[in-house]
């Protein structure tokens, strides 16, 4: 997913929620961080499947991964 398309998705969600796209991205990152820090081995195993470049996954990386996984299951 290109950054432009990702930004469009964030804008659409933000409009629906009455918040900015940056706030949407911030809230998604908070949820990612919470899940990523979960010590449960089963949860950790799922996070290991998500490709990311930095210290932890970004909203764009997680959404790209989830989209690819959903396409595989169609």
PDB file of N, CA and C in Angstrom:
ATOM      1  N   UNK A   1       0.860  -1.176   0.000  1.00  0.00           N
ATOM      2  CA  UNK A   1       0.000   0.000   0.000  1.00  0.00           C
ATOM      3  C   UNK A   1       0.900   1.231   0.000  1.00  0.00           C
ATOM      4  N   UNK A   2       0.705   2.056  -0.966  1.00  0.00           N
ATOM      5  CA  UNK A   2       1.503   3.280  -1.053  1.00  0.00           C
ATOM      6  C   UNK A   2       1.047   4.281   0.002  1.00  0.00           C
ATOM      7  N   UNK A   3       1.963   5.156   0.357  1.00  0.00           N
ATOM      8  CA  UNK A   3       1.683   6.156   1.393  1.00  0.00           C
ATOM      9  C   UNK A   3       0.457   6.994   1.042  1.00  0.00           C
ATOM     10  N   UNK A   4       0.308   7.307  -0.226  1.00  0.00           N
ATOM     11  CA  UNK A   4      -0.833   8.129  -0.658  1.00  0.00           C
ATOM     12  C   UNK A   4      -2.160   7.421  -0.371  1.00  0.00           C
ATOM     13  N   UNK A   5      -2.217   6.135  -0.696  1.00  0.00           N
ATOM     14  CA  UNK A   5      -3.435   5.361  -0.448  1.00  0.00           C
ATOM     15  C   UNK A   5      -3.669   5.215   1.059  1.00  0.00           C
ATOM     16  N   UNK A   6      -2.593   4.971   1.798  1.00  0.00           N
ATOM     17  CA  UNK A   6      -2.695   4.857   3.250  1.00  0.00           C
ATOM     18  C   UNK A   6      -3.255   6.151   3.841  1.00  0.00           C
ATOM     19  N   UNK A   7      -2.738   7.292   3.387  1.00  0.00           N
ATOM     20  CA  UNK A   7      -3.227   8.587   3.883  1.00  0.00           C
ATOM     21  C   UNK A   7      -4.704   8.778   3.570  1.00  0.00           C
ATOM     22  N   UNK A   8      -5.131   8.320   2.406  1.00  0.00           N
ATOM     23  CA  UNK A   8      -6.543   8.425   2.035  1.00  0.00           C
ATOM     24  C   UNK A   8      -7.408   7.593   2.986  1.00  0.00           C
ATOM     25  N   UNK A   9      -6.934   6.403   3.318  1.00  0.00           N
ATOM     26  CA  UNK A   9      -7.663   5.548   4.261  1.00  0.00           C
ATOM     27  C   UNK A   9      -7.738   6.224   5.632  1.00  0.00           C
ATOM     28  N   UNK A  10      -6.619   6.785   6.101  1.00  0.00           N
ATOM     29  CA  UNK A  10      -6.600   7.466   7.400  1.00  0.00           C
ATOM     30  C   UNK A  10      -7.554   8.660   7.391  1.00  0.00           C
ATOM     31  N   UNK A  11      -7.585   9.406   6.281  1.00  0.00           N
ATOM     32  CA  UNK A  11      -8.504  10.548   6.160  1.00  0.00           C
ATOM     33  C   UNK A  11      -9.955  10.101   6.219  1.00  0.00           C
ATOM     34  N   UNK A  12     -10.274   9.020   5.524  1.00  0.00           N
ATOM     35  CA  UNK A  12     -11.645   8.502   5.511  1.00  0.00           C
ATOM     36  C   UNK A  12     -12.073   8.079   6.911  1.00  0.00           C
ATOM     37  N   UNK A  13     -11.206   7.362   7.601  1.00  0.00           N
ATOM     38  CA  UNK A  13     -11.518   6.937   8.974  1.00  0.00           C
ATOM     39  C   UNK A  13     -11.677   8.162   9.870  1.00  0.00           C
ATOM     40  N   UNK A  14     -10.763   9.105   9.743  1.00  0.00           N
ATOM     41  CA  UNK A  14     -10.823  10.318  10.559  1.00  0.00           C
ATOM     42  C   UNK A  14     -12.117  11.089  10.368  1.00  0.00           C
ATOM     43  N   UNK A  15     -12.539  11.230   9.122  1.00  0.00           N
ATOM     44  CA  UNK A  15     -13.801  11.929   8.856  1.00  0.00           C
ATOM     45  C   UNK A  15     -14.965  11.205   9.512  1.00  0.00           C
ATOM     46  N   UNK A  16     -14.963   9.889   9.430  1.00  0.00           N
ATOM     47  CA  UNK A  16     -16.038   9.103  10.036  1.00  0.00           C
ATOM     48  C   UNK A  16     -16.065   9.197  11.552  1.00  0.00           C
ATOM     49  N   UNK A  17     -14.889   9.385  12.140  1.00  0.00           N
ATOM     50  CA  UNK A  17     -14.781   9.460  13.598  1.00  0.00           C
ATOM     51  C   UNK A  17     -14.751  10.895  14.122  1.00  0.00           C
ATOM     52  N   UNK A  18     -14.678  11.854  13.221  1.00  0.00           N
ATOM     53  CA  UNK A  18     -14.628  13.253  13.638  1.00  0.00           C
ATOM     54  C   UNK A  18     -13.290  13.667  14.218  1.00  0.00           C
ATOM     55  N   UNK A  19     -12.212  13.018  13.756  1.00  0.00           N
ATOM     56  CA  UNK A  19     -10.864  13.348  14.218  1.00  0.00           C
ATOM     57  C   UNK A  19      -9.942  13.462  13.002  1.00  0.00           C
ATOM     58  N   UNK A  20      -8.747  13.969  13.226  1.00  0.00           N
ATOM     59  CA  UNK A  20      -7.795  14.121  12.123  1.00  0.00           C
ATOM     60  C   UNK A  20      -7.188  12.772  11.742  1.00  0.00           C
ATOM     61  N   UNK A  21      -6.638  12.725  10.545  1.00  0.00           N
ATOM     62  CA  UNK A  21      -5.976  11.496  10.100  1.00  0.00           C
ATOM     63  C   UNK A  21      -4.765  11.194  10.982  1.00  0.00           C
ATOM     64  N   UNK A  22      -4.097  12.233  11.458  1.00  0.00           N
ATOM     65  CA  UNK A  22      -2.943  12.033  12.352  1.00  0.00           C
ATOM     66  C   UNK A  22      -3.387  11.427  13.679  1.00  0.00           C
ATOM     67  N   UNK A  23      -4.553  11.838  14.167  1.00  0.00           N
ATOM     68  CA  UNK A  23      -5.085  11.270  15.407  1.00  0.00           C
ATOM     69  C   UNK A  23      -5.450   9.802  15.197  1.00  0.00           C
ATOM     70  N   UNK A  24      -6.007   9.478  14.036  1.00  0.00           N
ATOM     71  CA  UNK A  24      -6.323   8.077  13.710  1.00  0.00           C
ATOM     72  C   UNK A  24      -5.047   7.253  13.757  1.00  0.00           C
ATOM     73  N   UNK A  25      -4.016   7.739  13.090  1.00  0.00           N
ATOM     74  CA  UNK A  25      -2.743   7.021  13.042  1.00  0.00           C
ATOM     75  C   UNK A  25      -2.148   6.870  14.444  1.00  0.00           C
ATOM     76  N   UNK A  26      -2.260   7.919  15.252  1.00  0.00           N
ATOM     77  CA  UNK A  26      -1.754   7.883  16.630  1.00  0.00           C
ATOM     78  C   UNK A  26      -2.489   6.821  17.446  1.00  0.00           C
ATOM     79  N   UNK A  27      -3.813   6.771  17.323  1.00  0.00           N
ATOM     80  CA  UNK A  27      -4.605   5.790  18.069  1.00  0.00           C
ATOM     81  C   UNK A  27      -4.288   4.358  17.621  1.00  0.00           C
ATOM     82  N   UNK A  28      -4.087   4.176  16.325  1.00  0.00           N
ATOM     83  CA  UNK A  28      -3.717   2.848  15.828  1.00  0.00           C
ATOM     84  C   UNK A  28      -2.347   2.455  16.377  1.00  0.00           C
ATOM     85  N   UNK A  29      -1.410   3.400  16.410  1.00  0.00           N
ATOM     86  CA  UNK A  29      -0.077   3.100  16.945  1.00  0.00           C
ATOM     87  C   UNK A  29      -0.146   2.728  18.418  1.00  0.00           C
ATOM     88  N   UNK A  30      -1.007   3.385  19.179  1.00  0.00           N
ATOM     89  CA  UNK A  30      -1.185   3.041  20.594  1.00  0.00           C
ATOM     90  C   UNK A  30      -1.672   1.601  20.722  1.00  0.00           C
ATOM     91  N   UNK A  31      -2.625   1.212  19.885  1.00  0.00           N
ATOM     92  CA  UNK A  31      -3.142  -0.162  19.914  1.00  0.00           C
ATOM     93  C   UNK A  31      -2.054  -1.157  19.505  1.00  0.00           C
ATOM     94  N   UNK A  32      -1.287  -0.817  18.491  1.00  0.00           N
ATOM     95  CA  UNK A  32      -0.183  -1.686  18.056  1.00  0.00           C
ATOM     96  C   UNK A  32       0.819  -1.852  19.186  1.00  0.00           C
ATOM     97  N   UNK A  33       1.212  -0.750  19.805  1.00  0.00           N
ATOM     98  CA  UNK A  33       2.190  -0.805  20.895  1.00  0.00           C
ATOM     99  C   UNK A  33       1.697  -1.672  22.042  1.00  0.00           C
ATOM    100  N   UNK A  34       0.431  -1.551  22.370  1.00  0.00           N
ATOM    101  CA  UNK A  34      -0.150  -2.359  23.441  1.00  0.00           C
ATOM    102  C   UNK A  34      -0.074  -3.844  23.100  1.00  0.00           C
ATOM    103  N   UNK A  35      -0.453  -4.187  21.887  1.00  0.00           N
ATOM    104  CA  UNK A  35      -0.389  -5.584  21.466  1.00  0.00           C
ATOM    105  C   UNK A  35       1.034  -6.082  21.331  1.00  0.00           C
ATOM    106  N   UNK A  36       1.907  -5.243  20.800  1.00  0.00           N
ATOM    107  CA  UNK A  36       3.295  -5.624  20.567  1.00  0.00           C
ATOM    108  C   UNK A  36       4.024  -5.888  21.887  1.00  0.00           C
ATOM    109  N   UNK A  37       3.629  -5.200  22.938  1.00  0.00           N
ATOM    110  CA  UNK A  37       4.263  -5.359  24.248  1.00  0.00           C
ATOM    111  C   UNK A  37       3.664  -6.496  25.072  1.00  0.00           C
ATOM    112  N   UNK A  38       2.675  -7.182  24.535  1.00  0.00           N
ATOM    113  CA  UNK A  38       2.027  -8.278  25.245  1.00  0.00           C
ATOM    114  C   UNK A  38       3.012  -9.435  25.418  1.00  0.00           C
ATOM    115  N   UNK A  39       3.194  -9.917  26.658  1.00  0.00           N
ATOM    116  CA  UNK A  39       4.163 -10.991  26.890  1.00  0.00           C
ATOM    117  C   UNK A  39       3.645 -12.402  26.561  1.00  0.00           C
ATOM    118  N   UNK A  40       2.369 -12.541  26.270  1.00  0.00           N
ATOM    119  CA  UNK A  40       1.792 -13.856  25.976  1.00  0.00           C
ATOM    120  C   UNK A  40       2.505 -14.474  24.769  1.00  0.00           C
ATOM    121  N   UNK A  41       3.039 -15.694  24.904  1.00  0.00           N
ATOM    122  CA  UNK A  41       3.767 -16.331  23.800  1.00  0.00           C
ATOM    123  C   UNK A  41       2.946 -16.476  22.516  1.00  0.00           C
ATOM    124  N   UNK A  42       1.662 -16.738  22.636  1.00  0.00           N
ATOM    125  CA  UNK A  42       0.815 -16.875  21.446  1.00  0.00           C
ATOM    126  C   UNK A  42       0.687 -15.534  20.721  1.00  0.00           C
ATOM    127  N   UNK A  43       0.555 -14.473  21.490  1.00  0.00           N
ATOM    128  CA  UNK A  43       0.463 -13.131  20.906  1.00  0.00           C
ATOM    129  C   UNK A  43       1.802 -12.753  20.273  1.00  0.00           C
ATOM    130  N   UNK A  44       2.887 -13.039  20.954  1.00  0.00           N
ATOM    131  CA  UNK A  44       4.234 -12.751  20.430  1.00  0.00           C
ATOM    132  C   UNK A  44       4.456 -13.477  19.105  1.00  0.00           C
ATOM    133  N   UNK A  45       3.992 -14.723  19.032  1.00  0.00           N
ATOM    134  CA  UNK A  45       4.149 -15.508  17.802  1.00  0.00           C
ATOM    135  C   UNK A  45       3.420 -14.853  16.633  1.00  0.00           C
ATOM    136  N   UNK A  46       2.253 -14.291  16.889  1.00  0.00           N
ATOM    137  CA  UNK A  46       1.517 -13.603  15.822  1.00  0.00           C
ATOM    138  C   UNK A  46       2.250 -12.346  15.370  1.00  0.00           C
ATOM    139  N   UNK A  47       2.809 -11.593  16.311  1.00  0.00           N
ATOM    140  CA  UNK A  47       3.542 -10.375  15.944  1.00  0.00           C
ATOM    141  C   UNK A  47       4.787 -10.701  15.135  1.00  0.00           C
ATOM    142  N   UNK A  48       5.381 -11.854  15.372  1.00  0.00           N
ATOM    143  CA  UNK A  48       6.577 -12.240  14.619  1.00  0.00           C
ATOM    144  C   UNK A  48       6.280 -12.441  13.138  1.00  0.00           C
ATOM    145  N   UNK A  49       5.028 -12.619  12.781  1.00  0.00           N
ATOM    146  CA  UNK A  49       4.629 -12.794  11.384  1.00  0.00           C
ATOM    147  C   UNK A  49       4.551 -11.465  10.628  1.00  0.00           C
ATOM    148  N   UNK A  50       4.475 -10.372  11.363  1.00  0.00           N
ATOM    149  CA  UNK A  50       4.290  -9.053  10.752  1.00  0.00           C
ATOM    150  C   UNK A  50       5.655  -8.467  10.372  1.00  0.00           C
ATOM    151  N   UNK A  51       5.886  -8.224   9.077  1.00  0.00           N
ATOM    152  CA  UNK A  51       7.163  -7.618   8.677  1.00  0.00           C
ATOM    153  C   UNK A  51       7.175  -6.116   8.991  1.00  0.00           C
ATOM    154  N   UNK A  52       8.282  -5.657   9.555  1.00  0.00           N
ATOM    155  CA  UNK A  52       8.423  -4.225   9.827  1.00  0.00           C
ATOM    156  C   UNK A  52       9.896  -3.860   9.834  1.00  0.00           C
ATOM    157  N   UNK A  53      10.183  -2.592   9.603  1.00  0.00           N
ATOM    158  CA  UNK A  53      11.561  -2.141   9.428  1.00  0.00           C
ATOM    159  C   UNK A  53      12.189  -1.556  10.687  1.00  0.00           C
ATOM    160  N   UNK A  54      11.409  -0.934  11.517  1.00  0.00           N
ATOM    161  CA  UNK A  54      11.954  -0.239  12.681  1.00  0.00           C
ATOM    162  C   UNK A  54      11.941  -1.089  13.938  1.00  0.00           C
ATOM    163  N   UNK A  55      11.863  -0.384  15.050  1.00  0.00           N
ATOM    164  CA  UNK A  55      11.846  -1.028  16.358  1.00  0.00           C
ATOM    165  C   UNK A  55      10.541  -1.772  16.612  1.00  0.00           C
ATOM    166  N   UNK A  56       9.471  -1.241  16.048  1.00  0.00           N
ATOM    167  CA  UNK A  56       8.150  -1.866  16.157  1.00  0.00           C
ATOM    168  C   UNK A  56       7.337  -1.495  14.928  1.00  0.00           C
ATOM    169  N   UNK A  57       6.272  -2.237  14.649  1.00  0.00           N
ATOM    170  CA  UNK A  57       5.493  -1.976  13.434  1.00  0.00           C
ATOM    171  C   UNK A  57       4.774  -0.629  13.471  1.00  0.00           C
ATOM    172  N   UNK A  58       4.641  -0.043  12.304  1.00  0.00           N
ATOM    173  CA  UNK A  58       3.874   1.194  12.146  1.00  0.00           C
ATOM    174  C   UNK A  58       2.449   0.829  11.727  1.00  0.00           C
ATOM    175  N   UNK A  59       1.522   1.767  11.851  1.00  0.00           N
ATOM    176  CA  UNK A  59       0.167   1.488  11.371  1.00  0.00           C
ATOM    177  C   UNK A  59       0.150   1.055   9.903  1.00  0.00           C
ATOM    178  N   UNK A  60       0.931   1.720   9.071  1.00  0.00           N
ATOM    179  CA  UNK A  60       0.942   1.356   7.653  1.00  0.00           C
ATOM    180  C   UNK A  60       1.452  -0.072   7.453  1.00  0.00           C
ATOM    181  N   UNK A  61       2.492  -0.457   8.156  1.00  0.00           N
ATOM    182  CA  UNK A  61       3.033  -1.814   8.020  1.00  0.00           C
ATOM    183  C   UNK A  61       2.021  -2.864   8.472  1.00  0.00           C
ATOM    184  N   UNK A  62       1.338  -2.599   9.570  1.00  0.00           N
ATOM    185  CA  UNK A  62       0.349  -3.556  10.077  1.00  0.00           C
ATOM    186  C   UNK A  62      -0.837  -3.656   9.121  1.00  0.00           C
ATOM    187  N   UNK A  63      -1.319  -2.533   8.645  1.00  0.00           N
ATOM    188  CA  UNK A  63      -2.465  -2.553   7.731  1.00  0.00           C
ATOM    189  C   UNK A  63      -2.099  -3.249   6.425  1.00  0.00           C
ATOM    190  N   UNK A  64      -0.899  -2.992   5.912  1.00  0.00           N
ATOM    191  CA  UNK A  64      -0.450  -3.685   4.695  1.00  0.00           C
ATOM    192  C   UNK A  64      -0.418  -5.190   4.915  1.00  0.00           C
ATOM    193  N   UNK A  65       0.132  -5.613   6.037  1.00  0.00           N
ATOM    194  CA  UNK A  65       0.202  -7.038   6.361  1.00  0.00           C
ATOM    195  C   UNK A  65      -1.202  -7.645   6.448  1.00  0.00           C
ATOM    196  N   UNK A  66      -2.089  -6.978   7.163  1.00  0.00           N
ATOM    197  CA  UNK A  66      -3.447  -7.499   7.328  1.00  0.00           C
ATOM    198  C   UNK A  66      -4.187  -7.583   5.996  1.00  0.00           C
ATOM    199  N   UNK A  67      -3.990  -6.594   5.135  1.00  0.00           N
ATOM    200  CA  UNK A  67      -4.623  -6.625   3.808  1.00  0.00           C
ATOM    201  C   UNK A  67      -4.127  -7.819   3.001  1.00  0.00           C
ATOM    202  N   UNK A  68      -2.828  -8.063   3.023  1.00  0.00           N
ATOM    203  CA  UNK A  68      -2.259  -9.203   2.296  1.00  0.00           C
ATOM    204  C   UNK A  68      -2.802 -10.517   2.841  1.00  0.00           C
ATOM    205  N   UNK A  69      -2.903 -10.616   4.154  1.00  0.00           N
ATOM    206  CA  UNK A  69      -3.422 -11.840   4.765  1.00  0.00           C
ATOM    207  C   UNK A  69      -4.887 -12.061   4.398  1.00  0.00           C
ATOM    208  N   UNK A  70      -5.660 -10.994   4.377  1.00  0.00           N
ATOM    209  CA  UNK A  70      -7.076 -11.114   4.011  1.00  0.00           C
ATOM    210  C   UNK A  70      -7.222 -11.556   2.559  1.00  0.00           C
ATOM    211  N   UNK A  71      -6.385 -11.032   1.678  1.00  0.00           N
ATOM    212  CA  UNK A  71      -6.441 -11.422   0.263  1.00  0.00           C
ATOM    213  C   UNK A  71      -6.121 -12.900   0.089  1.00  0.00           C
ATOM    214  N   UNK A  72      -5.192 -13.408   0.882  1.00  0.00           N
ATOM    215  CA  UNK A  72      -4.828 -14.830   0.809  1.00  0.00           C
ATOM    216  C   UNK A  72      -6.009 -15.726   1.156  1.00  0.00           C
ATOM    217  N   UNK A  73      -6.869 -15.255   2.039  1.00  0.00           N
ATOM    218  CA  UNK A  73      -7.973 -16.075   2.547  1.00  0.00           C
ATOM    219  C   UNK A  73      -9.248 -15.938   1.738  1.00  0.00           C
ATOM    220  N   UNK A  74      -9.225 -15.127   0.691  1.00  0.00           N
ATOM    221  CA  UNK A  74     -10.431 -14.945  -0.132  1.00  0.00           C
ATOM    222  C   UNK A  74     -10.550 -16.050  -1.152  1.00  0.00           C
TER     223      UNK A  74
END
